[in-house]
Amino acid sequence: MYRVFCESYNNYIAQNNSDDYRSKIAEPLALIVDPDKFNAAKENETNLYKRLCDLLYFMEKSKEQYPRFNAFLWTIESRGMVGKHYGIVSPEDLQEQAKLINMFLKLVYWSVT
């Protein structure tokens, strides 16, 4: 599931304009793809790290609505990526981020090359 997410994320980023709304809300997801960046951001408690923590916390609370989150969260928790509520991301952005991740996990951005 982690590999699916990473490849889908990279395909999504390659296909989209970095100035659009969805690309902006996808920024914290880069930390999931690169554990070294995640660990550095965690150590420094960057804004990007806090935004990701808010999202992971939201995802944990949204497993009923998005069943694929259960397995995905399990795979990233094994990498030390755990949600925490900082309250800096709007509910609307969290919902949109969750939809985007759900699309990744449903293989919407998967490439079969």
C-alpha atoms as a PDB file:
ATOM      1  CA  MET A   1       0.000   0.000   0.000  1.00  0.00           C
ATOM      2  CA  TYR A   2       2.897   2.369   0.749  1.00  0.00           C
ATOM      3  CA  ARG A   3       4.408   1.747  -2.681  1.00  0.00           C
ATOM      4  CA  VAL A   4       1.050   2.426  -4.356  1.00  0.00           C
ATOM      5  CA  PHE A   5       0.765   5.690  -2.454  1.00  0.00           C
ATOM      6  CA  CYS A   6       4.313   6.819  -3.296  1.00  0.00           C
ATOM      7  CA  GLU A   7       4.056   6.048  -7.000  1.00  0.00           C
ATOM      8  CA  SER A   8       0.586   7.598  -7.240  1.00  0.00           C
ATOM      9  CA  TYR A   9       1.784  10.709  -5.430  1.00  0.00           C
ATOM     10  CA  ASN A  10       4.744  11.091  -7.793  1.00  0.00           C
ATOM     11  CA  ASN A  11       2.486  10.617 -10.840  1.00  0.00           C
ATOM     12  CA  TYR A  12       0.045  13.162  -9.459  1.00  0.00           C
ATOM     13  CA  ILE A  13       2.757  15.752  -8.857  1.00  0.00           C
ATOM     14  CA  ALA A  14       4.176  15.219 -12.349  1.00  0.00           C
ATOM     15  CA  GLN A  15       0.739  15.785 -13.914  1.00  0.00           C
ATOM     16  CA  ASN A  16      -0.377  18.870 -11.999  1.00  0.00           C
ATOM     17  CA  ASN A  17       0.416  22.552 -11.864  1.00  0.00           C
ATOM     18  CA  SER A  18       2.236  23.347  -8.634  1.00  0.00           C
ATOM     19  CA  ASP A  19       0.195  26.536  -8.205  1.00  0.00           C
ATOM     20  CA  ASP A  20      -3.274  24.977  -8.098  1.00  0.00           C
ATOM     21  CA  TYR A  21      -5.226  24.352  -4.896  1.00  0.00           C
ATOM     22  CA  ARG A  22      -4.889  20.577  -4.890  1.00  0.00           C
ATOM     23  CA  SER A  23      -1.130  20.735  -5.370  1.00  0.00           C
ATOM     24  CA  LYS A  24      -0.878  23.132  -2.429  1.00  0.00           C
ATOM     25  CA  ILE A  25      -2.838  20.823  -0.145  1.00  0.00           C
ATOM     26  CA  ALA A  26      -0.723  17.876  -1.345  1.00  0.00           C
ATOM     27  CA  GLU A  27       2.506  19.485  -0.067  1.00  0.00           C
ATOM     28  CA  PRO A  28       2.525  17.661   3.310  1.00  0.00           C
ATOM     29  CA  LEU A  29       2.239  14.333   1.508  1.00  0.00           C
ATOM     30  CA  ALA A  30       5.816  14.740   0.284  1.00  0.00           C
ATOM     31  CA  LEU A  31       6.917  13.896   3.819  1.00  0.00           C
ATOM     32  CA  ILE A  32       5.253  10.491   3.581  1.00  0.00           C
ATOM     33  CA  VAL A  33       7.080   9.732   0.347  1.00  0.00           C
ATOM     34  CA  ASP A  34      10.483  10.686   1.758  1.00  0.00           C
ATOM     35  CA  PRO A  35      11.083   9.348   5.296  1.00  0.00           C
ATOM     36  CA  ASP A  36      14.324  11.339   5.600  1.00  0.00           C
ATOM     37  CA  LYS A  37      12.440  14.590   4.972  1.00  0.00           C
ATOM     38  CA  PHE A  38       9.773  13.425   7.402  1.00  0.00           C
ATOM     39  CA  ASN A  39      12.312  12.792  10.160  1.00  0.00           C
ATOM     40  CA  ALA A  40      14.006  16.163   9.612  1.00  0.00           C
ATOM     41  CA  ALA A  41      10.650  17.972   9.622  1.00  0.00           C
ATOM     42  CA  LYS A  42       9.606  16.094  12.761  1.00  0.00           C
ATOM     43  CA  GLU A  43      12.827  16.995  14.547  1.00  0.00           C
ATOM     44  CA  ASN A  44      12.347  20.684  13.705  1.00  0.00           C
ATOM     45  CA  GLU A  45       8.551  20.591  14.150  1.00  0.00           C
ATOM     46  CA  THR A  46       8.060  22.434  10.877  1.00  0.00           C
ATOM     47  CA  ASN A  47       4.730  23.770   9.699  1.00  0.00           C
ATOM     48  CA  LEU A  48       4.684  21.089   6.992  1.00  0.00           C
ATOM     49  CA  TYR A  49       5.158  18.395   9.638  1.00  0.00           C
ATOM     50  CA  LYS A  50       2.322  19.808  11.743  1.00  0.00           C
ATOM     51  CA  ARG A  51       0.055  19.939   8.692  1.00  0.00           C
ATOM     52  CA  LEU A  52       0.832  16.290   7.991  1.00  0.00           C
ATOM     53  CA  CYS A  53       0.154  15.346  11.621  1.00  0.00           C
ATOM     54  CA  ASP A  54      -3.233  17.056  11.445  1.00  0.00           C
ATOM     55  CA  LEU A  55      -4.015  15.091   8.295  1.00  0.00           C
ATOM     56  CA  LEU A  56      -2.929  11.752   9.767  1.00  0.00           C
ATOM     57  CA  TYR A  57      -5.003  12.477  12.872  1.00  0.00           C
ATOM     58  CA  PHE A  58      -8.001  13.266  10.652  1.00  0.00           C
ATOM     59  CA  MET A  59      -7.436  10.087   8.649  1.00  0.00           C
ATOM     60  CA  GLU A  60      -7.394   8.012  11.821  1.00  0.00           C
ATOM     61  CA  LYS A  61     -10.783   9.484  12.741  1.00  0.00           C
ATOM     62  CA  SER A  62     -12.135   8.919   9.184  1.00  0.00           C
ATOM     63  CA  LYS A  63     -11.505   5.192   8.753  1.00  0.00           C
ATOM     64  CA  GLU A  64     -15.220   4.409   8.555  1.00  0.00           C
ATOM     65  CA  GLN A  65     -15.700   6.849   5.691  1.00  0.00           C
ATOM     66  CA  TYR A  66     -12.461   5.765   3.970  1.00  0.00           C
ATOM     67  CA  PRO A  67     -11.838   2.057   4.704  1.00  0.00           C
ATOM     68  CA  ARG A  68      -8.550   1.990   2.761  1.00  0.00           C
ATOM     69  CA  PHE A  69      -7.034   4.332   5.345  1.00  0.00           C
ATOM     70  CA  ASN A  70      -6.822   1.537   7.909  1.00  0.00           C
ATOM     71  CA  ALA A  71      -4.183  -0.498   6.042  1.00  0.00           C
ATOM     72  CA  PHE A  72      -2.398   2.599   4.760  1.00  0.00           C
ATOM     73  CA  LEU A  73      -2.078   4.159   8.209  1.00  0.00           C
ATOM     74  CA  TRP A  74      -0.747   0.881   9.526  1.00  0.00           C
ATOM     75  CA  THR A  75       2.022   0.890   6.884  1.00  0.00           C
ATOM     76  CA  ILE A  76       3.119   4.444   7.616  1.00  0.00           C
ATOM     77  CA  GLU A  77       2.867   4.053  11.383  1.00  0.00           C
ATOM     78  CA  SER A  78       5.496   1.352  11.045  1.00  0.00           C
ATOM     79  CA  ARG A  79       7.713   4.127   9.636  1.00  0.00           C
ATOM     80  CA  GLY A  80       7.066   6.330  12.677  1.00  0.00           C
ATOM     81  CA  MET A  81       4.484   8.538  10.966  1.00  0.00           C
ATOM     82  CA  VAL A  82       1.686   9.064  13.450  1.00  0.00           C
ATOM     83  CA  GLY A  83      -1.041  11.682  13.570  1.00  0.00           C
ATOM     84  CA  LYS A  84      -1.332  14.367  16.177  1.00  0.00           C
ATOM     85  CA  HIS A  85      -3.859  17.161  16.452  1.00  0.00           C
ATOM     86  CA  TYR A  86      -2.299  20.605  16.041  1.00  0.00           C
ATOM     87  CA  GLY A  87      -5.434  22.248  14.664  1.00  0.00           C
ATOM     88  CA  ILE A  88      -3.694  24.324  12.003  1.00  0.00           C
ATOM     89  CA  VAL A  89      -5.377  22.797   8.925  1.00  0.00           C
ATOM     90  CA  SER A  90      -8.950  23.766   8.077  1.00  0.00           C
ATOM     91  CA  PRO A  91     -11.600  21.032   8.054  1.00  0.00           C
ATOM     92  CA  GLU A  92     -12.212  21.730   4.355  1.00  0.00           C
ATOM     93  CA  ASP A  93      -8.543  21.199   3.487  1.00  0.00           C
ATOM     94  CA  LEU A  94      -8.405  18.009   5.578  1.00  0.00           C
ATOM     95  CA  GLN A  95     -11.432  16.662   3.727  1.00  0.00           C
ATOM     96  CA  GLU A  96      -9.873  17.478   0.345  1.00  0.00           C
ATOM     97  CA  GLN A  97      -6.555  15.924   1.366  1.00  0.00           C
ATOM     98  CA  ALA A  98      -8.385  12.779   2.485  1.00  0.00           C
ATOM     99  CA  LYS A  99     -10.185  12.578  -0.869  1.00  0.00           C
ATOM    100  CA  LEU A 100      -6.870  12.944  -2.688  1.00  0.00           C
ATOM    101  CA  ILE A 101      -5.210  10.188  -0.647  1.00  0.00           C
ATOM    102  CA  ASN A 102      -8.226   7.974  -1.181  1.00  0.00           C
ATOM    103  CA  MET A 103      -7.840   8.483  -4.949  1.00  0.00           C
ATOM    104  CA  PHE A 104      -4.173   7.480  -4.667  1.00  0.00           C
ATOM    105  CA  LEU A 105      -5.129   4.322  -2.800  1.00  0.00           C
ATOM    106  CA  LYS A 106      -7.837   3.542  -5.379  1.00  0.00           C
ATOM    107  CA  LEU A 107      -5.130   3.673  -8.089  1.00  0.00           C
ATOM    108  CA  VAL A 108      -6.584   6.726  -9.850  1.00  0.00           C
ATOM    109  CA  TYR A 109      -3.043   8.049 -10.440  1.00  0.00           C
ATOM    110  CA  TRP A 110      -1.388   4.664 -10.819  1.00  0.00           C
ATOM    111  CA  SER A 111       0.694   4.172 -13.952  1.00  0.00           C
ATOM    112  CA  VAL A 112       1.137   0.760 -15.534  1.00  0.00           C
ATOM    113  CA  THR A 113       4.340   1.454 -17.439  1.00  0.00           C
END
